[in-house]
Amino acid sequence: MAAELTTRLLTAEQFLTADLGEGTFELVHGEVVRMSPPSPEHGLICGNIAGILWEYGRRSGFGYTLSNDSAVLTERSPDTVRGPDVCFYSHARWPRSQVSRALPPVAPDLVVEVSSPGNRPGAMLQKIGEYLNAGVLMVWVVYPKSRTVAVYRTFDAPPVVLQLDQTIENLPELPGFRCLVSDVFL
């Protein structure tokens, strides 16, 4: 009789406290997945977006920004923990005073993913679906090559795709927010 090999699946809580060594990781259906390091262009765009959202949150008092692949629980049993490039929480949804090392108790209002050359479209769509199913109100996917931003609110409708010369504004999820798409790519 052949011996069966089994992999022990991690919970989200175990994943957040595990010593995984150097690198960036996500938990996908209970299994740890190493992520490739992003390019400098990717980092620049993420920094721009985090700065724009930080300034909006500071000015409006509506919420705050998290970056650097902060944990977002998207599925349970087995658990999936994604690390979006940037996310934004309103104080009403999760007060900043409650931020700690623990897993956030709610999904962000906004998740931003910057597409990398190695991202497969199907994998990105799966991630978008996970975020929306987990309760994220809005997902932006930023495409550096075409210099566009796709805004998803539901998986049942196509995204609104904003071009370089357009403005991100009139968002019920981010009252008073306004940003030129071109500012994302400066």
N, C-alpha and C. Protein backbone atom coordinates (compact mmCIF):
# COMPACT_ATOMS: atom_id res chain seq x y z
N MET A 1 0.85 -1.17 0.00
CA MET A 1 0.00 0.00 0.00
C MET A 1 0.90 1.23 0.00
N ALA A 2 0.63 2.16 -0.88
CA ALA A 2 1.42 3.39 -0.99
C ALA A 2 1.02 4.37 0.10
N ALA A 3 2.01 5.03 0.64
CA ALA A 3 1.73 6.04 1.67
C ALA A 3 1.21 7.31 1.01
N GLU A 4 0.21 7.91 1.64
CA GLU A 4 -0.34 9.16 1.11
C GLU A 4 0.36 10.34 1.74
N LEU A 5 0.73 11.30 0.92
CA LEU A 5 1.32 12.53 1.42
C LEU A 5 0.22 13.56 1.57
N THR A 6 0.18 14.21 2.71
CA THR A 6 -0.82 15.25 2.92
C THR A 6 -0.13 16.55 3.29
N THR A 7 -0.71 17.63 2.86
CA THR A 7 -0.21 18.95 3.20
C THR A 7 -1.14 19.52 4.26
N ARG A 8 -0.55 20.01 5.33
CA ARG A 8 -1.35 20.62 6.39
C ARG A 8 -1.75 22.02 5.96
N LEU A 9 -3.04 22.26 5.89
CA LEU A 9 -3.54 23.57 5.50
C LEU A 9 -3.48 24.51 6.70
N LEU A 10 -3.14 25.76 6.44
CA LEU A 10 -3.08 26.77 7.48
C LEU A 10 -4.38 27.55 7.53
N THR A 11 -4.73 28.02 8.71
CA THR A 11 -5.82 28.98 8.84
C THR A 11 -5.25 30.37 8.61
N ALA A 12 -6.12 31.34 8.42
CA ALA A 12 -5.67 32.72 8.25
C ALA A 12 -4.88 33.18 9.46
N GLU A 13 -5.33 32.83 10.65
CA GLU A 13 -4.66 33.24 11.87
C GLU A 13 -3.27 32.60 11.99
N GLN A 14 -3.15 31.33 11.63
CA GLN A 14 -1.84 30.67 11.64
C GLN A 14 -0.91 31.31 10.62
N PHE A 15 -1.44 31.63 9.46
CA PHE A 15 -0.66 32.25 8.40
C PHE A 15 -0.08 33.59 8.86
N LEU A 16 -0.90 34.39 9.53
CA LEU A 16 -0.43 35.72 9.95
C LEU A 16 0.66 35.65 11.01
N THR A 17 0.74 34.57 11.74
CA THR A 17 1.76 34.46 12.79
C THR A 17 2.91 33.55 12.40
N ALA A 18 2.86 32.94 11.23
CA ALA A 18 3.91 31.99 10.80
C ALA A 18 5.18 32.73 10.40
N ASP A 19 6.32 32.13 10.69
CA ASP A 19 7.61 32.64 10.24
C ASP A 19 7.90 32.00 8.89
N LEU A 20 7.63 32.73 7.83
CA LEU A 20 7.77 32.19 6.48
C LEU A 20 9.10 32.56 5.83
N GLY A 21 9.92 33.33 6.54
CA GLY A 21 11.19 33.77 5.95
C GLY A 21 11.00 35.02 5.11
N GLU A 22 11.99 35.32 4.33
CA GLU A 22 11.98 36.52 3.49
C GLU A 22 11.03 36.36 2.31
N GLY A 23 10.43 37.47 1.90
CA GLY A 23 9.56 37.46 0.74
C GLY A 23 8.15 37.88 1.08
N THR A 24 7.32 37.87 0.06
CA THR A 24 5.91 38.22 0.20
C THR A 24 5.10 36.98 -0.12
N PHE A 25 4.08 36.74 0.71
CA PHE A 25 3.29 35.52 0.57
C PHE A 25 1.80 35.83 0.65
N GLU A 26 1.01 34.96 0.06
CA GLU A 26 -0.44 34.96 0.25
C GLU A 26 -0.82 33.54 0.68
N LEU A 27 -1.98 33.43 1.28
CA LEU A 27 -2.54 32.13 1.64
C LEU A 27 -3.69 31.87 0.68
N VAL A 28 -3.60 30.81 -0.10
CA VAL A 28 -4.63 30.50 -1.09
C VAL A 28 -5.17 29.11 -0.79
N HIS A 29 -6.43 29.07 -0.38
CA HIS A 29 -7.09 27.81 -0.02
C HIS A 29 -6.25 27.02 1.00
N GLY A 30 -5.70 27.75 1.98
CA GLY A 30 -4.96 27.12 3.06
C GLY A 30 -3.49 26.87 2.79
N GLU A 31 -3.04 27.09 1.55
CA GLU A 31 -1.64 26.84 1.20
C GLU A 31 -0.90 28.14 0.97
N VAL A 32 0.33 28.19 1.48
CA VAL A 32 1.18 29.38 1.35
C VAL A 32 1.73 29.46 -0.07
N VAL A 33 1.58 30.64 -0.68
CA VAL A 33 2.06 30.87 -2.04
C VAL A 33 3.01 32.06 -2.00
N ARG A 34 4.23 31.85 -2.50
CA ARG A 34 5.22 32.94 -2.58
C ARG A 34 4.89 33.81 -3.80
N MET A 35 4.94 35.13 -3.59
CA MET A 35 4.67 36.07 -4.65
C MET A 35 5.99 36.59 -5.22
N SER A 36 6.03 36.84 -6.52
CA SER A 36 7.21 37.41 -7.14
C SER A 36 7.36 38.86 -6.71
N PRO A 37 8.60 39.33 -6.55
CA PRO A 37 8.76 40.74 -6.19
C PRO A 37 8.32 41.63 -7.35
N PRO A 38 7.66 42.74 -7.04
CA PRO A 38 7.18 43.63 -8.09
C PRO A 38 8.31 44.47 -8.68
N SER A 39 8.04 45.02 -9.85
CA SER A 39 9.02 45.89 -10.52
C SER A 39 9.02 47.28 -9.88
N PRO A 40 10.07 48.07 -10.14
CA PRO A 40 10.07 49.45 -9.65
C PRO A 40 8.86 50.26 -10.16
N GLU A 41 8.44 50.04 -11.40
CA GLU A 41 7.27 50.75 -11.92
C GLU A 41 6.03 50.41 -11.09
N HIS A 42 5.88 49.16 -10.76
CA HIS A 42 4.77 48.70 -9.93
C HIS A 42 4.79 49.42 -8.58
N GLY A 43 5.96 49.46 -7.96
CA GLY A 43 6.11 50.13 -6.68
C GLY A 43 5.81 51.61 -6.75
N LEU A 44 6.23 52.25 -7.83
CA LEU A 44 5.96 53.69 -8.00
C LEU A 44 4.46 53.95 -8.10
N ILE A 45 3.77 53.15 -8.88
CA ILE A 45 2.32 53.32 -9.04
C ILE A 45 1.60 53.06 -7.72
N CYS A 46 2.01 52.00 -7.00
CA CYS A 46 1.40 51.72 -5.70
C CYS A 46 1.63 52.88 -4.74
N GLY A 47 2.84 53.43 -4.74
CA GLY A 47 3.14 54.58 -3.89
C GLY A 47 2.30 55.78 -4.23
N ASN A 48 2.11 56.03 -5.53
CA ASN A 48 1.26 57.14 -5.96
C ASN A 48 -0.17 56.97 -5.45
N ILE A 49 -0.70 55.78 -5.64
CA ILE A 49 -2.09 55.51 -5.23
C ILE A 49 -2.23 55.62 -3.72
N ALA A 50 -1.29 55.02 -2.99
CA ALA A 50 -1.35 55.09 -1.52
C ALA A 50 -1.29 56.55 -1.06
N GLY A 51 -0.44 57.35 -1.71
CA GLY A 51 -0.34 58.77 -1.35
C GLY A 51 -1.61 59.54 -1.65
N ILE A 52 -2.20 59.28 -2.80
CA ILE A 52 -3.44 59.95 -3.19
C ILE A 52 -4.56 59.59 -2.22
N LEU A 53 -4.68 58.31 -1.89
CA LEU A 53 -5.73 57.88 -0.96
C LEU A 53 -5.45 58.36 0.46
N TRP A 54 -4.17 58.39 0.86
CA TRP A 54 -3.81 58.90 2.19
C TRP A 54 -4.22 60.36 2.31
N GLU A 55 -3.90 61.15 1.28
CA GLU A 55 -4.25 62.58 1.31
C GLU A 55 -5.77 62.76 1.35
N TYR A 56 -6.49 61.96 0.58
CA TYR A 56 -7.95 62.02 0.62
C TYR A 56 -8.47 61.71 2.03
N GLY A 57 -7.97 60.65 2.63
CA GLY A 57 -8.40 60.28 3.97
C GLY A 57 -8.07 61.35 5.00
N ARG A 58 -6.89 61.94 4.89
CA ARG A 58 -6.48 63.00 5.82
C ARG A 58 -7.36 64.24 5.66
N ARG A 59 -7.57 64.62 4.41
CA ARG A 59 -8.35 65.83 4.11
C ARG A 59 -9.82 65.66 4.49
N SER A 60 -10.38 64.52 4.15
CA SER A 60 -11.82 64.30 4.35
C SER A 60 -12.16 63.77 5.74
N GLY A 61 -11.20 63.09 6.36
CA GLY A 61 -11.49 62.43 7.63
C GLY A 61 -12.33 61.17 7.47
N PHE A 62 -12.52 60.73 6.22
CA PHE A 62 -13.41 59.61 5.93
C PHE A 62 -12.79 58.26 6.28
N GLY A 63 -11.47 58.14 6.11
CA GLY A 63 -10.85 56.84 6.35
C GLY A 63 -9.35 56.90 6.23
N TYR A 64 -8.73 55.75 5.98
CA TYR A 64 -7.28 55.65 5.96
C TYR A 64 -6.84 54.55 4.99
N THR A 65 -5.56 54.61 4.66
CA THR A 65 -4.96 53.73 3.67
C THR A 65 -4.04 52.70 4.33
N LEU A 66 -4.07 51.47 3.82
CA LEU A 66 -3.09 50.46 4.18
C LEU A 66 -2.39 50.03 2.88
N SER A 67 -1.11 49.71 3.01
CA SER A 67 -0.36 49.27 1.83
C SER A 67 0.56 48.12 2.21
N ASN A 68 1.49 47.82 1.33
CA ASN A 68 2.48 46.75 1.56
C ASN A 68 1.83 45.39 1.77
N ASP A 69 0.84 45.08 0.96
CA ASP A 69 0.23 43.76 0.97
C ASP A 69 -0.41 43.40 2.31
N SER A 70 -1.08 44.39 2.94
CA SER A 70 -1.77 44.14 4.20
C SER A 70 -2.86 43.08 4.00
N ALA A 71 -3.02 42.23 4.98
CA ALA A 71 -3.89 41.06 4.88
C ALA A 71 -5.36 41.41 4.70
N VAL A 72 -6.00 40.72 3.75
CA VAL A 72 -7.44 40.78 3.55
C VAL A 72 -7.94 39.34 3.43
N LEU A 73 -8.79 38.94 4.37
CA LEU A 73 -9.38 37.60 4.34
C LEU A 73 -10.47 37.57 3.27
N THR A 74 -10.33 36.66 2.31
CA THR A 74 -11.33 36.59 1.25
C THR A 74 -12.17 35.32 1.29
N GLU A 75 -11.67 34.26 1.93
CA GLU A 75 -12.41 33.00 1.99
C GLU A 75 -12.06 32.25 3.27
N ARG A 76 -13.02 31.44 3.73
CA ARG A 76 -12.81 30.58 4.90
C ARG A 76 -13.03 29.11 4.51
N SER A 77 -12.33 28.23 5.19
CA SER A 77 -12.50 26.77 5.12
C SER A 77 -12.37 26.19 3.73
N PRO A 78 -11.26 26.10 3.13
CA PRO A 78 -9.98 26.56 3.61
C PRO A 78 -9.82 28.08 3.40
N ASP A 79 -8.96 28.66 4.23
CA ASP A 79 -8.80 30.11 4.25
C ASP A 79 -7.95 30.63 3.09
N THR A 80 -8.31 31.82 2.64
CA THR A 80 -7.51 32.55 1.65
C THR A 80 -7.30 33.96 2.20
N VAL A 81 -6.04 34.37 2.24
CA VAL A 81 -5.67 35.71 2.67
C VAL A 81 -4.88 36.34 1.54
N ARG A 82 -5.42 37.38 0.98
CA ARG A 82 -4.77 38.11 -0.11
C ARG A 82 -4.05 39.33 0.45
N GLY A 83 -3.08 39.81 -0.29
CA GLY A 83 -2.34 41.01 0.08
C GLY A 83 -2.44 42.03 -1.04
N PRO A 84 -3.54 42.81 -1.07
CA PRO A 84 -3.68 43.80 -2.14
C PRO A 84 -2.56 44.84 -2.08
N ASP A 85 -2.28 45.43 -3.21
CA ASP A 85 -1.24 46.45 -3.27
C ASP A 85 -1.57 47.63 -2.36
N VAL A 86 -2.79 48.08 -2.40
CA VAL A 86 -3.25 49.20 -1.58
C VAL A 86 -4.71 48.93 -1.22
N CYS A 87 -5.12 49.32 -0.02
CA CYS A 87 -6.53 49.25 0.33
C CYS A 87 -6.90 50.45 1.19
N PHE A 88 -8.19 50.73 1.22
CA PHE A 88 -8.71 51.89 1.95
C PHE A 88 -9.89 51.43 2.78
N TYR A 89 -9.88 51.83 4.05
CA TYR A 89 -10.98 51.54 4.97
C TYR A 89 -11.61 52.85 5.42
N SER A 90 -12.93 52.91 5.43
CA SER A 90 -13.61 54.04 6.05
C SER A 90 -13.60 53.81 7.55
N HIS A 91 -13.60 54.92 8.31
CA HIS A 91 -13.66 54.81 9.77
C HIS A 91 -14.96 54.15 10.21
N ALA A 92 -16.03 54.33 9.43
CA ALA A 92 -17.32 53.72 9.78
C ALA A 92 -17.25 52.19 9.68
N ARG A 93 -16.48 51.70 8.73
CA ARG A 93 -16.38 50.26 8.50
C ARG A 93 -15.42 49.60 9.49
N TRP A 94 -14.26 50.24 9.71
CA TRP A 94 -13.25 49.72 10.64
C TRP A 94 -12.44 50.90 11.14
N PRO A 95 -12.74 51.40 12.32
CA PRO A 95 -12.04 52.58 12.85
C PRO A 95 -10.52 52.36 12.92
N ARG A 96 -9.80 53.38 12.54
CA ARG A 96 -8.34 53.30 12.55
C ARG A 96 -7.81 52.92 13.93
N SER A 97 -8.48 53.36 14.97
CA SER A 97 -8.04 53.06 16.33
C SER A 97 -8.05 51.57 16.64
N GLN A 98 -8.74 50.77 15.83
CA GLN A 98 -8.82 49.32 16.06
C GLN A 98 -7.79 48.52 15.25
N VAL A 99 -7.01 49.21 14.41
CA VAL A 99 -6.01 48.52 13.60
C VAL A 99 -4.93 47.93 14.52
N SER A 100 -4.62 46.67 14.30
CA SER A 100 -3.62 45.97 15.11
C SER A 100 -2.90 44.95 14.23
N ARG A 101 -2.25 44.03 14.86
CA ARG A 101 -1.57 42.95 14.13
C ARG A 101 -2.54 41.85 13.71
N ALA A 102 -3.73 41.87 14.27
CA ALA A 102 -4.73 40.83 14.01
C ALA A 102 -5.36 41.03 12.63
N LEU A 103 -5.98 40.00 12.16
CA LEU A 103 -6.69 40.01 10.89
C LEU A 103 -7.82 41.04 10.95
N PRO A 104 -7.97 41.89 9.95
CA PRO A 104 -9.08 42.86 9.96
C PRO A 104 -10.42 42.14 10.08
N PRO A 105 -11.35 42.67 10.87
CA PRO A 105 -12.64 42.02 11.07
C PRO A 105 -13.61 42.22 9.91
N VAL A 106 -13.29 43.14 9.01
CA VAL A 106 -14.15 43.42 7.85
C VAL A 106 -13.28 43.61 6.61
N ALA A 107 -13.92 43.53 5.47
CA ALA A 107 -13.23 43.78 4.21
C ALA A 107 -13.07 45.29 4.00
N PRO A 108 -12.05 45.69 3.23
CA PRO A 108 -11.87 47.11 2.95
C PRO A 108 -13.01 47.68 2.09
N ASP A 109 -13.15 48.99 2.12
CA ASP A 109 -14.07 49.67 1.22
C ASP A 109 -13.55 49.57 -0.21
N LEU A 110 -12.22 49.73 -0.35
CA LEU A 110 -11.56 49.73 -1.65
C LEU A 110 -10.31 48.87 -1.60
N VAL A 111 -10.12 48.06 -2.64
CA VAL A 111 -8.88 47.32 -2.85
C VAL A 111 -8.33 47.76 -4.20
N VAL A 112 -7.02 47.98 -4.25
CA VAL A 112 -6.35 48.35 -5.50
C VAL A 112 -5.29 47.30 -5.81
N GLU A 113 -5.37 46.74 -6.99
CA GLU A 113 -4.35 45.82 -7.50
C GLU A 113 -3.72 46.44 -8.74
N VAL A 114 -2.40 46.46 -8.78
CA VAL A 114 -1.67 46.94 -9.95
C VAL A 114 -1.23 45.71 -10.73
N SER A 115 -1.66 45.63 -11.96
CA SER A 115 -1.36 44.46 -12.79
C SER A 115 0.12 44.44 -13.15
N SER A 116 0.72 43.27 -13.04
CA SER A 116 2.11 43.06 -13.41
C SER A 116 2.16 42.24 -14.69
N PRO A 117 3.27 42.30 -15.43
CA PRO A 117 3.36 41.53 -16.68
C PRO A 117 3.09 40.04 -16.49
N GLY A 118 3.43 39.49 -15.33
CA GLY A 118 3.23 38.07 -15.09
C GLY A 118 1.83 37.69 -14.66
N ASN A 119 0.96 38.68 -14.40
CA ASN A 119 -0.41 38.37 -13.97
C ASN A 119 -1.20 37.76 -15.12
N ARG A 120 -1.77 36.59 -14.86
CA ARG A 120 -2.65 35.98 -15.86
C ARG A 120 -4.04 36.58 -15.68
N PRO A 121 -4.73 36.92 -16.78
CA PRO A 121 -6.06 37.54 -16.66
C PRO A 121 -7.03 36.72 -15.83
N GLY A 122 -7.03 35.40 -15.99
CA GLY A 122 -7.94 34.56 -15.22
C GLY A 122 -7.67 34.63 -13.73
N ALA A 123 -6.39 34.65 -13.35
CA ALA A 123 -6.02 34.74 -11.93
C ALA A 123 -6.44 36.09 -11.36
N MET A 124 -6.30 37.16 -12.14
CA MET A 124 -6.71 38.49 -11.67
C MET A 124 -8.22 38.54 -11.50
N LEU A 125 -8.96 37.98 -12.44
CA LEU A 125 -10.42 37.95 -12.31
C LEU A 125 -10.86 37.14 -11.09
N GLN A 126 -10.15 36.05 -10.81
CA GLN A 126 -10.46 35.25 -9.62
C GLN A 126 -10.27 36.09 -8.36
N LYS A 127 -9.17 36.83 -8.31
CA LYS A 127 -8.88 37.68 -7.16
C LYS A 127 -9.95 38.75 -6.99
N ILE A 128 -10.35 39.37 -8.09
CA ILE A 128 -11.40 40.40 -8.04
C ILE A 128 -12.68 39.80 -7.48
N GLY A 129 -13.04 38.63 -7.98
CA GLY A 129 -14.23 37.94 -7.48
C GLY A 129 -14.14 37.63 -6.00
N GLU A 130 -12.97 37.20 -5.54
CA GLU A 130 -12.78 36.93 -4.11
C GLU A 130 -13.00 38.19 -3.29
N TYR A 131 -12.40 39.29 -3.72
CA TYR A 131 -12.55 40.55 -2.98
C TYR A 131 -14.02 40.96 -2.89
N LEU A 132 -14.70 40.95 -4.03
CA LEU A 132 -16.10 41.38 -4.05
C LEU A 132 -16.97 40.44 -3.21
N ASN A 133 -16.75 39.14 -3.32
CA ASN A 133 -17.52 38.17 -2.51
C ASN A 133 -17.25 38.31 -1.02
N ALA A 134 -16.05 38.80 -0.67
CA ALA A 134 -15.69 38.98 0.73
C ALA A 134 -16.29 40.26 1.32
N GLY A 135 -16.87 41.10 0.46
CA GLY A 135 -17.50 42.33 0.96
C GLY A 135 -16.78 43.61 0.61
N VAL A 136 -15.72 43.54 -0.18
CA VAL A 136 -15.07 44.77 -0.64
C VAL A 136 -16.07 45.51 -1.52
N LEU A 137 -16.22 46.80 -1.30
CA LEU A 137 -17.22 47.57 -2.03
C LEU A 137 -16.79 47.91 -3.45
N MET A 138 -15.48 48.09 -3.64
CA MET A 138 -14.99 48.51 -4.96
C MET A 138 -13.55 48.01 -5.12
N VAL A 139 -13.23 47.54 -6.33
CA VAL A 139 -11.88 47.09 -6.67
C VAL A 139 -11.40 47.88 -7.87
N TRP A 140 -10.21 48.45 -7.75
CA TRP A 140 -9.56 49.08 -8.90
C TRP A 140 -8.44 48.16 -9.36
N VAL A 141 -8.39 47.90 -10.66
CA VAL A 141 -7.24 47.21 -11.24
C VAL A 141 -6.56 48.21 -12.15
N VAL A 142 -5.30 48.48 -11.85
CA VAL A 142 -4.52 49.48 -12.57
C VAL A 142 -3.65 48.74 -13.58
N TYR A 143 -3.71 49.17 -14.82
CA TYR A 143 -2.96 48.53 -15.90
C TYR A 143 -1.88 49.50 -16.40
N PRO A 144 -0.62 49.31 -15.98
CA PRO A 144 0.45 50.23 -16.39
C PRO A 144 0.67 50.28 -17.90
N LYS A 145 0.57 49.14 -18.58
CA LYS A 145 0.86 49.11 -20.01
C LYS A 145 -0.13 49.97 -20.80
N SER A 146 -1.42 49.87 -20.51
CA SER A 146 -2.43 50.65 -21.24
C SER A 146 -2.74 51.97 -20.53
N ARG A 147 -2.19 52.14 -19.33
CA ARG A 147 -2.41 53.34 -18.53
C ARG A 147 -3.90 53.60 -18.31
N THR A 148 -4.56 52.55 -17.83
CA THR A 148 -5.99 52.62 -17.53
C THR A 148 -6.25 52.10 -16.13
N VAL A 149 -7.43 52.43 -15.61
CA VAL A 149 -7.89 51.94 -14.33
C VAL A 149 -9.28 51.34 -14.54
N ALA A 150 -9.43 50.06 -14.21
CA ALA A 150 -10.73 49.39 -14.31
C ALA A 150 -11.35 49.38 -12.92
N VAL A 151 -12.59 49.86 -12.83
CA VAL A 151 -13.30 49.96 -11.56
C VAL A 151 -14.40 48.90 -11.53
N TYR A 152 -14.28 47.97 -10.58
CA TYR A 152 -15.26 46.89 -10.39
C TYR A 152 -16.06 47.16 -9.12
N ARG A 153 -17.36 47.01 -9.22
CA ARG A 153 -18.23 47.08 -8.05
C ARG A 153 -19.02 45.78 -7.88
N THR A 154 -19.17 45.07 -8.94
CA THR A 154 -19.87 43.80 -8.94
C THR A 154 -19.23 42.93 -10.01
N PHE A 155 -19.31 41.65 -9.82
CA PHE A 155 -18.74 40.73 -10.80
C PHE A 155 -19.74 40.45 -11.91
N ASP A 156 -20.98 40.88 -11.71
CA ASP A 156 -22.04 40.64 -12.69
C ASP A 156 -22.05 41.64 -13.84
N ALA A 157 -21.35 42.75 -13.68
CA ALA A 157 -21.33 43.79 -14.71
C ALA A 157 -19.88 44.07 -15.12
N PRO A 158 -19.68 44.49 -16.36
CA PRO A 158 -18.32 44.81 -16.77
C PRO A 158 -17.80 46.02 -15.99
N PRO A 159 -16.49 46.11 -15.83
CA PRO A 159 -15.94 47.24 -15.10
C PRO A 159 -16.07 48.54 -15.90
N VAL A 160 -16.00 49.64 -15.20
CA VAL A 160 -15.86 50.94 -15.85
C VAL A 160 -14.36 51.13 -16.05
N VAL A 161 -13.93 51.30 -17.29
CA VAL A 161 -12.51 51.46 -17.59
C VAL A 161 -12.24 52.93 -17.88
N LEU A 162 -11.37 53.51 -17.05
CA LEU A 162 -11.03 54.93 -17.18
C LEU A 162 -9.69 55.08 -17.88
N GLN A 163 -9.66 55.97 -18.86
CA GLN A 163 -8.46 56.23 -19.65
C GLN A 163 -7.60 57.29 -18.97
N LEU A 164 -6.40 57.47 -19.48
CA LEU A 164 -5.42 58.38 -18.91
C LEU A 164 -5.93 59.82 -18.78
N ASP A 165 -6.77 60.27 -19.71
CA ASP A 165 -7.25 61.66 -19.69
C ASP A 165 -8.56 61.83 -18.91
N GLN A 166 -8.99 60.78 -18.19
CA GLN A 166 -10.24 60.86 -17.43
C GLN A 166 -9.97 61.06 -15.94
N THR A 167 -11.05 61.23 -15.19
CA THR A 167 -10.97 61.49 -13.75
C THR A 167 -11.72 60.42 -12.98
N ILE A 168 -11.13 59.99 -11.88
CA ILE A 168 -11.80 59.07 -10.96
C ILE A 168 -12.56 59.96 -9.98
N GLU A 169 -13.88 59.95 -10.05
CA GLU A 169 -14.69 60.84 -9.19
C GLU A 169 -16.12 60.33 -9.11
N ASN A 170 -16.92 61.01 -8.29
CA ASN A 170 -18.33 60.66 -8.11
C ASN A 170 -18.51 59.21 -7.65
N LEU A 171 -17.72 58.84 -6.66
CA LEU A 171 -17.76 57.49 -6.12
C LEU A 171 -18.52 57.50 -4.81
N PRO A 172 -19.68 56.85 -4.75
CA PRO A 172 -20.41 56.81 -3.47
C PRO A 172 -19.59 56.17 -2.35
N GLU A 173 -18.68 55.27 -2.71
CA GLU A 173 -17.85 54.59 -1.72
C GLU A 173 -16.79 55.51 -1.11
N LEU A 174 -16.42 56.56 -1.84
CA LEU A 174 -15.40 57.53 -1.38
C LEU A 174 -15.94 58.95 -1.61
N PRO A 175 -16.82 59.42 -0.75
CA PRO A 175 -17.46 60.73 -0.95
C PRO A 175 -16.44 61.86 -1.07
N GLY A 176 -16.57 62.64 -2.14
CA GLY A 176 -15.70 63.79 -2.36
C GLY A 176 -14.35 63.46 -2.96
N PHE A 177 -14.08 62.18 -3.23
CA PHE A 177 -12.80 61.80 -3.83
C PHE A 177 -12.75 62.24 -5.29
N ARG A 178 -11.58 62.75 -5.69
CA ARG A 178 -11.37 63.14 -7.09
C ARG A 178 -9.89 63.01 -7.40
N CYS A 179 -9.58 62.33 -8.49
CA CYS A 179 -8.19 62.10 -8.88
C CYS A 179 -8.11 61.92 -10.39
N LEU A 180 -7.17 62.58 -11.00
CA LEU A 180 -6.92 62.35 -12.41
C LEU A 180 -6.27 60.98 -12.58
N VAL A 181 -6.70 60.22 -13.56
CA VAL A 181 -6.08 58.92 -13.82
C VAL A 181 -4.58 59.12 -14.09
N SER A 182 -4.23 60.19 -14.76
CA SER A 182 -2.82 60.44 -15.07
C SER A 182 -1.98 60.57 -13.81
N ASP A 183 -2.57 61.04 -12.69
CA ASP A 183 -1.82 61.17 -11.43
C ASP A 183 -1.37 59.81 -10.88
N VAL A 184 -2.10 58.76 -11.22
CA VAL A 184 -1.74 57.42 -10.79
C VAL A 184 -0.41 56.99 -11.40
N PHE A 185 -0.11 57.51 -12.58
CA PHE A 185 1.06 57.06 -13.34
C PHE A 185 2.22 58.06 -13.33
N LEU A 186 2.14 59.13 -12.54
CA LEU A 186 3.23 60.13 -12.51
C LEU A 186 4.55 59.55 -12.11
